[in-house]
């Protein structure tokens, strides 16, 4: 990946991605996280946001030698990823690693080990440090909105989204603020048309996640091949209209 020795910052990381996307060398993209990124069940057979990213990169950008690998596992927390680092991240020799995590880390209740936001943030910093030590670009995503009234034990969503934001700012990492975008799409609340249950996005929600990620990383297909982004925008708009 070009400019791997440049000082690490969100701006330099975005520049590295932009240069790499027009360069000849294939890239390895690792997309990791919990059930939202895993993308099972709640999309009802639709594509997850990781699959939309795959379509954009290997299809519409025609980067057919790139590998887009989803290592997310339902129910996992950030410590699960750190404890299984080789399989989840390192063994793929990634150039870009995206992480969306926090929905399970915040959970409280029977059988749950309570994690404080400060400990969560410390684990996020460890994640960023390991990704950067490997020479790859880290990308942090806040978890999307939650229907707090119907998701007992997940009332601390704002604290954990803020922890992701704080780590991204202090470590100067690319941030994709999915929580802010979902709140905006929900007119300040929960975007009902984008949710499959109180805390899992549905297929339209995954379209919204993919759009926000693509926009943040400036993944823009050539005009004559730009089919996915307009379709995702239409899917999100229709879901909001019908909510």
Protein backbone atom coordinates (compact mmCIF):
# COMPACT_ATOMS: atom_id res chain seq x y z
CA UNK A 1 0.00 0.00 0.00
CA UNK A 2 1.49 3.42 -0.94
CA UNK A 3 2.87 5.75 1.72
CA UNK A 4 2.90 3.08 4.42
CA UNK A 5 5.73 4.95 6.17
CA UNK A 6 3.87 8.28 6.32
CA UNK A 7 2.82 9.51 9.79
CA UNK A 8 -0.38 7.73 10.75
CA UNK A 9 -3.45 9.96 10.79
CA UNK A 10 -6.99 9.84 9.49
CA UNK A 11 -6.04 12.21 6.67
CA UNK A 12 -2.95 10.25 5.64
CA UNK A 13 -4.89 6.98 5.88
CA UNK A 14 -7.59 8.33 3.55
CA UNK A 15 -4.87 9.43 1.15
CA UNK A 16 -3.32 5.95 1.26
CA UNK A 17 -6.65 4.34 0.47
CA UNK A 18 -7.32 6.74 -2.39
CA UNK A 19 -3.89 6.13 -3.91
CA UNK A 20 -4.22 2.38 -3.49
CA UNK A 21 -7.63 2.25 -5.16
CA UNK A 22 -6.14 3.61 -8.38
CA UNK A 23 -2.92 1.61 -8.07
CA UNK A 24 -2.10 -1.80 -9.55
CA UNK A 25 -1.49 -3.77 -6.37
CA UNK A 26 -4.37 -5.85 -4.96
CA UNK A 27 -5.66 -5.00 -1.49
CA UNK A 28 -6.87 -7.18 1.35
CA UNK A 29 -9.87 -5.70 3.16
CA UNK A 30 -10.84 -7.21 6.54
CA UNK A 31 -14.30 -6.30 7.82
CA UNK A 32 -14.85 -7.39 11.41
CA UNK A 33 -17.19 -6.90 14.33
CA UNK A 34 -20.25 -8.55 15.85
CA UNK A 35 -23.63 -9.78 14.54
CA UNK A 36 -24.39 -6.54 12.72
CA UNK A 37 -21.32 -6.96 10.54
CA UNK A 38 -21.76 -10.75 10.45
CA UNK A 39 -24.99 -9.92 8.61
CA UNK A 40 -27.01 -13.06 9.30
CA UNK A 41 -30.79 -13.50 9.75
CA UNK A 42 -31.85 -9.87 10.06
CA UNK A 43 -31.25 -8.98 6.41
CA UNK A 44 -33.89 -11.59 5.46
CA UNK A 45 -31.78 -12.80 2.55
CA UNK A 46 -30.63 -9.33 1.49
CA UNK A 47 -27.00 -8.28 1.30
CA UNK A 48 -25.11 -7.15 4.37
CA UNK A 49 -23.09 -3.96 4.27
CA UNK A 50 -19.88 -5.99 3.91
CA UNK A 51 -21.35 -7.67 0.83
CA UNK A 52 -22.27 -4.31 -0.64
CA UNK A 53 -18.68 -3.17 -0.06
CA UNK A 54 -17.49 -6.31 -1.87
CA UNK A 55 -19.73 -5.42 -4.84
CA UNK A 56 -18.44 -1.86 -4.95
CA UNK A 57 -14.77 -2.81 -4.77
CA UNK A 58 -14.50 -6.01 -6.79
CA UNK A 59 -17.41 -5.27 -9.11
CA UNK A 60 -17.87 -1.61 -9.87
CA UNK A 61 -14.29 -0.54 -9.24
CA UNK A 62 -13.21 -3.68 -11.17
CA UNK A 63 -10.58 -4.45 -8.54
CA UNK A 64 -11.06 -8.17 -9.11
CA UNK A 65 -7.83 -9.20 -7.37
CA UNK A 66 -8.78 -7.45 -4.13
CA UNK A 67 -10.04 -9.69 -1.33
CA UNK A 68 -12.89 -8.49 0.90
CA UNK A 69 -13.07 -10.75 3.96
CA UNK A 70 -15.78 -10.62 6.64
CA UNK A 71 -14.55 -12.10 9.94
CA UNK A 72 -17.33 -10.75 12.18
CA UNK A 73 -18.99 -13.18 14.60
CA UNK A 74 -22.42 -12.78 16.15
CA UNK A 75 -22.40 -12.09 19.88
CA UNK A 76 -18.77 -11.01 20.04
CA UNK A 77 -17.17 -8.14 21.89
CA UNK A 78 -13.92 -6.30 21.17
CA UNK A 79 -12.03 -8.57 23.58
CA UNK A 80 -13.10 -11.62 21.56
CA UNK A 81 -11.46 -10.12 18.49
CA UNK A 82 -8.29 -9.24 20.37
CA UNK A 83 -8.12 -12.76 21.82
CA UNK A 84 -8.50 -14.33 18.36
CA UNK A 85 -6.36 -11.76 16.57
CA UNK A 86 -4.47 -14.05 14.22
CA UNK A 87 -7.57 -15.66 12.75
CA UNK A 88 -9.77 -12.59 12.77
CA UNK A 89 -7.23 -10.08 11.42
CA UNK A 90 -3.51 -10.85 11.13
CA UNK A 91 -3.59 -14.04 9.07
CA UNK A 92 -5.25 -12.21 6.19
CA UNK A 93 -2.37 -9.71 5.93
CA UNK A 94 -4.83 -6.82 5.56
CA UNK A 95 -4.28 -3.43 4.01
CA UNK A 96 -7.50 -1.99 5.46
CA UNK A 97 -9.31 -3.21 8.60
CA UNK A 98 -12.76 -1.91 9.50
CA UNK A 99 -14.32 -2.51 12.91
CA UNK A 100 -17.91 -2.00 14.05
CA UNK A 101 -18.28 -3.09 17.67
CA UNK A 102 -19.99 -2.08 20.91
CA UNK A 103 -23.52 -3.45 20.74
CA UNK A 104 -22.58 -6.50 22.82
CA UNK A 105 -19.87 -4.75 24.84
CA UNK A 106 -22.48 -2.43 26.33
CA UNK A 107 -24.86 -5.25 27.29
CA UNK A 108 -25.79 -5.75 30.94
CA UNK A 109 -28.06 -8.25 32.62
CA UNK A 110 -28.13 -11.92 33.63
CA UNK A 111 -25.11 -13.83 32.39
CA UNK A 112 -23.39 -10.69 31.10
CA UNK A 113 -20.05 -9.35 32.31
CA UNK A 114 -20.48 -5.59 32.61
CA UNK A 115 -17.90 -3.62 30.63
CA UNK A 116 -17.30 0.03 31.41
CA UNK A 117 -16.86 2.51 28.54
CA UNK A 118 -13.28 3.29 29.66
CA UNK A 119 -12.29 -0.39 29.43
CA UNK A 120 -14.01 -0.64 26.05
CA UNK A 121 -12.06 2.40 24.84
CA UNK A 122 -8.79 0.88 26.07
CA UNK A 123 -9.50 -2.26 24.02
CA UNK A 124 -10.28 -0.13 20.98
CA UNK A 125 -6.91 1.61 21.37
CA UNK A 126 -5.23 -1.79 21.49
CA UNK A 127 -7.06 -2.76 18.29
CA UNK A 128 -5.89 0.42 16.54
CA UNK A 129 -2.32 -0.07 17.78
CA UNK A 130 -2.18 -3.63 16.44
CA UNK A 131 -3.64 -2.68 13.05
CA UNK A 132 -1.22 0.21 12.64
CA UNK A 133 1.73 -1.93 13.77
CA UNK A 134 0.92 -4.31 10.91
CA UNK A 135 1.06 -1.44 8.41
CA UNK A 136 -2.67 -1.57 7.68
CA UNK A 137 -5.22 1.26 7.85
CA UNK A 138 -7.71 1.05 10.76
CA UNK A 139 -11.27 2.27 10.26
CA UNK A 140 -13.58 2.58 13.29
CA UNK A 141 -17.37 2.60 13.01
CA UNK A 142 -19.83 3.51 15.74
CA UNK A 143 -22.65 0.99 16.21
CA UNK A 144 -25.98 2.10 14.70
CA UNK A 145 -29.03 3.18 16.67
CA UNK A 146 -30.89 0.98 19.12
CA UNK A 147 -34.57 0.92 20.10
CA UNK A 148 -33.56 1.31 23.73
CA UNK A 149 -37.11 0.91 25.06
CA UNK A 150 -37.27 -2.60 23.62
CA UNK A 151 -33.63 -3.62 24.12
CA UNK A 152 -33.17 -4.13 27.89
CA UNK A 153 -29.53 -4.09 28.90
CA UNK A 154 -28.40 -1.97 25.99
CA UNK A 155 -29.30 1.46 27.33
CA UNK A 156 -25.68 2.68 27.24
CA UNK A 157 -25.48 3.00 23.46
CA UNK A 158 -24.57 6.71 23.55
CA UNK A 159 -21.71 6.12 26.00
CA UNK A 160 -20.24 3.40 23.80
CA UNK A 161 -20.72 5.33 20.57
CA UNK A 162 -19.00 8.27 22.27
CA UNK A 163 -16.13 5.97 23.29
CA UNK A 164 -15.58 5.01 19.65
CA UNK A 165 -15.65 8.68 18.66
CA UNK A 166 -13.19 9.63 21.41
CA UNK A 167 -10.73 6.89 20.45
CA UNK A 168 -10.98 7.81 16.77
CA UNK A 169 -10.24 11.44 17.65
CA UNK A 170 -7.41 10.77 20.10
CA UNK A 171 -5.74 8.17 17.86
CA UNK A 172 -6.46 10.18 14.67
CA UNK A 173 -8.23 7.27 13.00
CA UNK A 174 -10.82 7.29 10.22
CA UNK A 175 -14.28 7.35 11.82
CA UNK A 176 -17.51 6.24 10.18
CA UNK A 177 -20.21 7.54 12.51
CA UNK A 178 -23.02 5.11 11.75
CA UNK A 179 -24.83 5.99 14.98
CA UNK A 180 -25.03 9.66 14.03
CA UNK A 181 -26.22 8.77 10.52
CA UNK A 182 -28.92 6.39 11.78
CA UNK A 183 -30.07 9.02 14.28
CA UNK A 184 -30.27 11.54 11.43
CA UNK A 185 -32.21 9.08 9.26
CA UNK A 186 -34.57 8.55 12.21
CA UNK A 187 -35.13 12.32 12.55
CA UNK A 188 -33.43 12.30 15.93
CA UNK A 189 -34.66 8.87 17.01
CA UNK A 190 -34.71 5.29 15.76
CA UNK A 191 -35.03 4.87 11.96
CA UNK A 192 -37.79 2.26 12.15
CA UNK A 193 -37.74 1.32 8.47
CA UNK A 194 -34.07 0.39 8.71
CA UNK A 195 -34.35 -1.97 11.70
CA UNK A 196 -34.96 -5.72 11.73
CA UNK A 197 -35.30 -5.80 15.53
CA UNK A 198 -34.44 -3.39 18.37
CA UNK A 199 -30.70 -3.43 17.60
CA UNK A 200 -30.10 -5.23 14.28
CA UNK A 201 -30.45 -3.32 11.00
CA UNK A 202 -32.52 -4.98 8.26
CA UNK A 203 -31.55 -5.12 4.58
CA UNK A 204 -32.36 -1.42 4.10
CA UNK A 205 -30.36 -0.65 7.24
CA UNK A 206 -27.39 -2.47 5.77
CA UNK A 207 -27.80 -0.39 2.61
CA UNK A 208 -27.54 2.70 4.82
CA UNK A 209 -24.46 1.32 6.57
CA UNK A 210 -22.81 0.58 3.22
CA UNK A 211 -23.54 4.06 1.91
CA UNK A 212 -22.03 5.73 4.97
CA UNK A 213 -18.92 3.54 4.81
CA UNK A 214 -18.48 4.06 1.06
CA UNK A 215 -18.89 7.83 1.45
CA UNK A 216 -16.44 7.99 4.36
CA UNK A 217 -13.78 6.06 2.40
CA UNK A 218 -14.61 7.88 -0.85
CA UNK A 219 -15.35 4.67 -2.74
CA UNK A 220 -16.89 6.15 -5.86
CA UNK A 221 -17.30 3.92 -8.93
CA UNK A 222 -16.94 5.49 -12.39
CA UNK A 223 -20.19 7.00 -13.58
CA UNK A 224 -20.75 4.35 -16.25
CA UNK A 225 -20.45 1.55 -13.66
CA UNK A 226 -22.16 3.25 -10.70
CA UNK A 227 -25.15 0.98 -10.20
CA UNK A 228 -24.93 0.00 -6.54
CA UNK A 229 -24.86 3.41 -4.84
CA UNK A 230 -28.07 4.72 -6.50
CA UNK A 231 -29.82 1.42 -5.70
CA UNK A 232 -28.75 1.64 -2.05
CA UNK A 233 -29.95 5.24 -1.83
CA UNK A 234 -33.31 4.24 -3.30
CA UNK A 235 -33.63 1.30 -0.89
CA UNK A 236 -32.98 3.52 2.11
CA UNK A 237 -35.41 6.20 0.89
CA UNK A 238 -38.16 3.64 0.27
CA UNK A 239 -37.70 2.04 3.68
CA UNK A 240 -37.98 5.42 5.40
CA UNK A 241 -41.08 6.28 3.36
CA UNK A 242 -42.78 3.01 4.30
CA UNK A 243 -41.79 3.04 7.98
